[in-house]
């Protein structure tokens, strides 16, 4: 979402822009078919053909398909959002917009939990706009952050949950005290990491090619990774799980397995699409 704002903020409102959306839709439809077959033959899920069609249409054929549903709206709105953004007269006003969006979308996701609602939360569902405008602001004004300060902030946020659970929830279900990825801490972490990486000038040709290759595959990796989540996690849980706190180190094995397996499938899909000129 940050990257969308960063890359799309200056895109014009024309037919050429909207024609780019077909690649994402085709990828979604392709992996919907793949996931339906996987859910039928591997997971043993049984639905009627019409129910599977309905799942494609409501973005649940791929259990992580919510992102495509969100993306469609953001993609359609982006040229109009850009007009709104560029019409804001000053940097101070644009920063104020971002602060307000952060306050009404991300902060309540952190504070309003466990039956408590100290802040209004009606607008939390529009959090993609916070990230989009933050990315647009970064593109226009090129803010920077001290490398070591950024690393310290990112590391500190990443340590909140494990340190808290190590002290207070050892042997019990993990508590996500820092909130989810789009709550206040998650939003700050996303912006800080973005600022750290967008300043990096990768000069090594091999590393540039590897990064570009991986970047081109990220959507496909995301759309197919559910298959490998359902293969690897249950297997490791069956053989090694004792408690959530004990199981944590296995994520350093499972996550790379899921990523590289998904990358292989994404590469095959990309090869197929190029052969079919899609």
Protein backbone atom coordinates (compact mmCIF):
# COMPACT_ATOMS: atom_id res chain seq x y z
CA UNK A 1 0.00 0.00 0.00
CA UNK A 2 2.91 2.33 0.76
CA UNK A 3 4.55 1.33 -2.49
CA UNK A 4 1.30 1.96 -4.38
CA UNK A 5 1.22 5.55 -3.13
CA UNK A 6 4.92 5.97 -3.85
CA UNK A 7 4.71 4.63 -7.41
CA UNK A 8 1.25 5.75 -8.50
CA UNK A 9 0.93 9.27 -7.06
CA UNK A 10 1.89 10.90 -10.37
CA UNK A 11 0.03 8.50 -12.68
CA UNK A 12 -2.42 10.31 -15.01
CA UNK A 13 -6.12 9.57 -15.22
CA UNK A 14 -6.32 7.71 -18.57
CA UNK A 15 -7.24 4.39 -20.19
CA UNK A 16 -3.65 3.20 -20.28
CA UNK A 17 -3.49 3.28 -16.50
CA UNK A 18 -6.59 1.12 -16.07
CA UNK A 19 -5.47 -1.40 -18.69
CA UNK A 20 -2.61 -2.41 -16.36
CA UNK A 21 -5.08 -3.92 -13.92
CA UNK A 22 -5.78 -6.94 -16.12
CA UNK A 23 -2.48 -8.58 -15.14
CA UNK A 24 -3.48 -8.67 -11.49
CA UNK A 25 -6.98 -9.95 -12.25
CA UNK A 26 -5.60 -12.71 -14.51
CA UNK A 27 -3.16 -13.73 -11.78
CA UNK A 28 -5.97 -13.84 -9.26
CA UNK A 29 -8.16 -15.99 -11.51
CA UNK A 30 -5.28 -18.35 -12.30
CA UNK A 31 -4.37 -18.92 -8.67
CA UNK A 32 -8.03 -19.18 -7.71
CA UNK A 33 -8.23 -22.22 -9.99
CA UNK A 34 -4.98 -23.62 -8.57
CA UNK A 35 -6.18 -23.12 -4.99
CA UNK A 36 -9.59 -24.65 -5.72
CA UNK A 37 -7.88 -27.79 -7.05
CA UNK A 38 -5.56 -27.83 -4.03
CA UNK A 39 -8.44 -27.44 -1.58
CA UNK A 40 -10.39 -30.23 -3.28
CA UNK A 41 -7.65 -32.82 -3.76
CA UNK A 42 -5.28 -32.05 -0.87
CA UNK A 43 -7.48 -30.55 1.84
CA UNK A 44 -10.58 -32.55 0.89
CA UNK A 45 -12.92 -29.56 0.87
CA UNK A 46 -16.15 -30.26 -0.97
CA UNK A 47 -18.34 -27.55 -2.49
CA UNK A 48 -20.62 -27.46 -5.50
CA UNK A 49 -19.33 -25.84 -8.71
CA UNK A 50 -21.56 -22.82 -8.08
CA UNK A 51 -20.19 -22.48 -4.55
CA UNK A 52 -16.63 -22.46 -5.90
CA UNK A 53 -17.63 -19.79 -8.43
CA UNK A 54 -19.12 -17.79 -5.57
CA UNK A 55 -15.85 -18.13 -3.65
CA UNK A 56 -13.95 -16.73 -6.62
CA UNK A 57 -16.34 -13.80 -6.83
CA UNK A 58 -16.23 -13.01 -3.10
CA UNK A 59 -12.42 -13.46 -2.97
CA UNK A 60 -12.43 -16.45 -0.62
CA UNK A 61 -11.31 -19.10 -3.12
CA UNK A 62 -7.84 -17.93 -2.08
CA UNK A 63 -8.05 -17.50 1.71
CA UNK A 64 -5.68 -14.53 1.45
CA UNK A 65 -7.70 -13.02 -1.39
CA UNK A 66 -8.86 -10.04 0.69
CA UNK A 67 -5.81 -8.21 -0.61
CA UNK A 68 -7.06 -8.39 -4.22
CA UNK A 69 -10.47 -7.14 -3.14
CA UNK A 70 -8.78 -4.19 -1.39
CA UNK A 71 -6.39 -3.63 -4.30
CA UNK A 72 -9.16 -3.37 -6.89
CA UNK A 73 -10.72 -0.44 -5.05
CA UNK A 74 -7.36 1.25 -4.43
CA UNK A 75 -6.34 0.75 -8.07
CA UNK A 76 -9.59 2.25 -9.37
CA UNK A 77 -9.42 5.19 -6.98
CA UNK A 78 -5.72 5.98 -7.32
CA UNK A 79 -5.94 8.54 -10.19
CA UNK A 80 -8.71 10.38 -8.35
CA UNK A 81 -6.88 10.15 -5.02
CA UNK A 82 -3.88 11.66 -6.78
CA UNK A 83 -5.96 14.64 -7.90
CA UNK A 84 -7.07 15.14 -4.31
CA UNK A 85 -3.50 14.81 -3.01
CA UNK A 86 -2.00 17.27 -5.48
CA UNK A 87 -4.80 19.76 -4.77
CA UNK A 88 -3.68 20.04 -1.12
CA UNK A 89 -1.71 23.30 -1.16
CA UNK A 90 1.16 22.83 1.29
CA UNK A 91 3.44 20.18 2.74
CA UNK A 92 2.08 20.97 6.20
CA UNK A 93 -1.49 20.27 5.11
CA UNK A 94 -0.49 16.99 3.45
CA UNK A 95 1.32 15.91 6.61
CA UNK A 96 -1.76 16.86 8.63
CA UNK A 97 -3.90 14.62 6.40
CA UNK A 98 -1.54 11.68 7.06
CA UNK A 99 -1.54 12.30 10.81
CA UNK A 100 -5.35 12.44 10.89
CA UNK A 101 -5.65 9.24 8.87
CA UNK A 102 -3.14 7.53 11.17
CA UNK A 103 -5.13 8.68 14.20
CA UNK A 104 -8.53 7.47 12.98
CA UNK A 105 -7.46 4.25 11.22
CA UNK A 106 -4.35 2.81 12.87
CA UNK A 107 -4.43 3.99 16.49
CA UNK A 108 -7.90 2.53 17.30
CA UNK A 109 -6.72 -0.86 16.03
CA UNK A 110 -4.14 -0.78 18.82
CA UNK A 111 -6.23 0.70 21.63
CA UNK A 112 -9.70 -0.78 21.01
CA UNK A 113 -9.27 -4.40 22.05
CA UNK A 114 -10.27 -6.85 24.75
CA UNK A 115 -13.73 -5.30 25.01
CA UNK A 116 -12.42 -1.75 25.43
CA UNK A 117 -13.12 1.05 22.94
CA UNK A 118 -11.57 4.28 24.24
CA UNK A 119 -11.31 5.81 20.74
CA UNK A 120 -13.79 6.16 17.85
CA UNK A 121 -13.17 3.36 15.38
CA UNK A 122 -15.69 3.95 12.59
CA UNK A 123 -12.98 4.78 10.04
CA UNK A 124 -10.48 1.98 10.74
CA UNK A 125 -11.40 0.12 7.55
CA UNK A 126 -9.95 2.90 5.35
CA UNK A 127 -6.42 2.32 6.65
CA UNK A 128 -5.16 1.65 3.06
CA UNK A 129 -5.59 5.38 2.44
CA UNK A 130 -3.18 6.18 5.27
CA UNK A 131 -0.51 3.99 3.71
CA UNK A 132 -1.23 5.28 0.20
CA UNK A 133 -0.94 8.94 1.21
CA UNK A 134 2.16 8.20 3.29
CA UNK A 135 3.78 6.63 0.22
CA UNK A 136 2.75 9.60 -1.91
CA UNK A 137 4.21 12.01 0.66
CA UNK A 138 7.51 10.10 0.71
CA UNK A 139 7.68 10.22 -3.10
CA UNK A 140 7.12 13.98 -3.20
CA UNK A 141 9.23 15.20 -0.29
CA UNK A 142 11.86 12.43 -0.01
CA UNK A 143 12.11 12.39 3.81
CA UNK A 144 15.02 10.45 5.31
CA UNK A 145 15.70 8.73 8.59
CA UNK A 146 19.00 8.08 10.29
CA UNK A 147 19.95 4.50 9.53
CA UNK A 148 20.74 3.49 13.10
CA UNK A 149 17.71 5.29 14.51
CA UNK A 150 15.50 3.54 11.98
CA UNK A 151 17.01 0.15 12.78
CA UNK A 152 16.57 0.82 16.51
CA UNK A 153 12.90 1.79 16.09
CA UNK A 154 12.15 -1.21 13.85
CA UNK A 155 13.96 -3.60 16.17
CA UNK A 156 12.26 -2.16 19.25
CA UNK A 157 8.79 -2.58 17.73
CA UNK A 158 9.60 -6.13 16.62
CA UNK A 159 10.71 -6.97 20.17
CA UNK A 160 7.52 -5.77 21.91
CA UNK A 161 5.54 -8.97 21.36
CA UNK A 162 8.29 -11.55 21.98
CA UNK A 163 9.67 -9.80 25.07
CA UNK A 164 6.21 -9.33 26.58
CA UNK A 165 5.26 -12.93 25.91
CA UNK A 166 8.59 -14.25 27.16
CA UNK A 167 8.01 -12.47 30.47
CA UNK A 168 4.25 -12.74 30.96
CA UNK A 169 2.89 -15.48 28.67
CA UNK A 170 5.47 -18.23 28.86
CA UNK A 171 3.69 -21.54 28.29
CA UNK A 172 0.43 -19.84 27.29
CA UNK A 173 -1.08 -18.60 24.04
CA UNK A 174 0.85 -15.68 22.59
CA UNK A 175 -0.64 -12.23 23.21
CA UNK A 176 -0.25 -9.70 20.39
CA UNK A 177 0.19 -6.78 22.75
CA UNK A 178 1.64 -4.51 20.03
CA UNK A 179 -1.45 -4.94 17.86
CA UNK A 180 -1.76 -6.16 14.31
CA UNK A 181 0.22 -5.14 11.22
CA UNK A 182 -2.06 -2.19 10.43
CA UNK A 183 -2.37 -0.88 13.98
CA UNK A 184 -0.25 2.02 15.26
CA UNK A 185 2.97 0.09 15.88
CA UNK A 186 2.59 -1.90 12.66
CA UNK A 187 2.05 1.28 10.64
CA UNK A 188 5.10 2.97 12.18
CA UNK A 189 7.18 -0.15 11.52
CA UNK A 190 6.05 -0.25 7.88
CA UNK A 191 6.92 3.41 7.29
CA UNK A 192 10.30 3.14 9.03
CA UNK A 193 11.30 0.02 7.08
CA UNK A 194 10.15 1.68 3.86
CA UNK A 195 12.26 4.76 4.62
CA UNK A 196 15.28 2.61 5.38
CA UNK A 197 15.07 0.64 2.14
CA UNK A 198 14.00 3.29 -0.33
CA UNK A 199 17.19 5.22 0.45
CA UNK A 200 19.38 2.24 -0.47
CA UNK A 201 21.14 2.44 -3.83
CA UNK A 202 21.87 -1.16 -4.80
CA UNK A 203 24.97 -1.03 -6.97
CA UNK A 204 25.74 -4.75 -7.19
CA UNK A 205 24.37 -5.92 -10.57
CA UNK A 206 23.63 -9.46 -9.40
CA UNK A 207 21.81 -8.26 -6.30
CA UNK A 208 19.81 -5.80 -8.41
CA UNK A 209 18.74 -8.60 -10.76
CA UNK A 210 17.80 -10.88 -7.85
CA UNK A 211 15.81 -8.11 -6.15
CA UNK A 212 14.03 -7.16 -9.37
CA UNK A 213 13.19 -10.80 -10.06
CA UNK A 214 11.78 -11.31 -6.55
CA UNK A 215 9.83 -8.04 -6.73
CA UNK A 216 8.15 -9.11 -9.95
CA UNK A 217 7.00 -12.33 -8.30
CA UNK A 218 5.66 -10.97 -5.01
CA UNK A 219 1.97 -10.92 -5.95
CA UNK A 220 2.06 -14.47 -7.29
CA UNK A 221 4.04 -15.61 -4.24
CA UNK A 222 1.38 -14.10 -2.01
CA UNK A 223 -1.51 -15.63 -3.93
CA UNK A 224 -0.14 -19.18 -3.88
CA UNK A 225 1.59 -19.28 -0.46
CA UNK A 226 -1.58 -20.55 1.26
CA UNK A 227 -0.90 -23.96 -0.30
CA UNK A 228 2.47 -24.22 1.34
CA UNK A 229 1.18 -22.77 4.61
CA UNK A 230 -1.25 -25.69 4.69
CA UNK A 231 1.50 -28.17 3.84
CA UNK A 232 4.37 -27.08 6.06
CA UNK A 233 2.71 -25.67 9.18
CA UNK A 234 0.57 -28.73 9.97
CA UNK A 235 3.54 -31.04 9.40
CA UNK A 236 5.84 -29.09 11.72
CA UNK A 237 3.06 -28.65 14.26
CA UNK A 238 2.40 -32.40 14.29
CA UNK A 239 6.08 -33.29 14.82
CA UNK A 240 7.46 -30.41 16.92
CA UNK A 241 4.70 -28.34 18.54
CA UNK A 242 4.50 -28.22 22.34
CA UNK A 243 3.38 -24.64 23.00
CA UNK A 244 3.28 -21.38 21.06
CA UNK A 245 6.25 -19.96 22.92
CA UNK A 246 8.30 -23.13 22.33
CA UNK A 247 7.32 -23.32 18.64
CA UNK A 248 8.56 -19.82 17.73
CA UNK A 249 12.05 -20.79 16.49
CA UNK A 250 10.53 -23.12 13.88
CA UNK A 251 9.21 -20.10 12.01
CA UNK A 252 12.80 -19.45 10.90
CA UNK A 253 12.59 -22.77 9.05
CA UNK A 254 8.96 -22.70 7.90
CA UNK A 255 8.86 -19.16 6.52
CA UNK A 256 11.80 -19.66 4.09
CA UNK A 257 10.32 -23.00 3.03
CA UNK A 258 6.97 -21.35 2.27
CA UNK A 259 8.63 -18.42 0.49
CA UNK A 260 10.93 -20.38 -1.80
CA UNK A 261 8.29 -23.01 -2.57
CA UNK A 262 5.86 -20.23 -3.48
CA UNK A 263 8.57 -18.51 -5.52
CA UNK A 264 9.05 -21.69 -7.57
CA UNK A 265 5.31 -21.87 -8.32
CA UNK A 266 5.23 -18.14 -9.11
CA UNK A 267 8.09 -18.58 -11.57
CA UNK A 268 6.24 -21.43 -13.31
CA UNK A 269 3.11 -19.30 -13.55
CA UNK A 270 5.12 -16.38 -14.96
CA UNK A 271 6.70 -18.68 -17.54
CA UNK A 272 3.28 -20.02 -18.54
CA UNK A 273 1.83 -16.53 -18.88
CA UNK A 274 4.73 -15.44 -21.08
CA UNK A 275 4.26 -18.48 -23.30
CA UNK A 276 0.54 -17.65 -23.62
CA UNK A 277 1.32 -13.93 -24.06
CA UNK A 278 -0.82 -12.99 -21.09
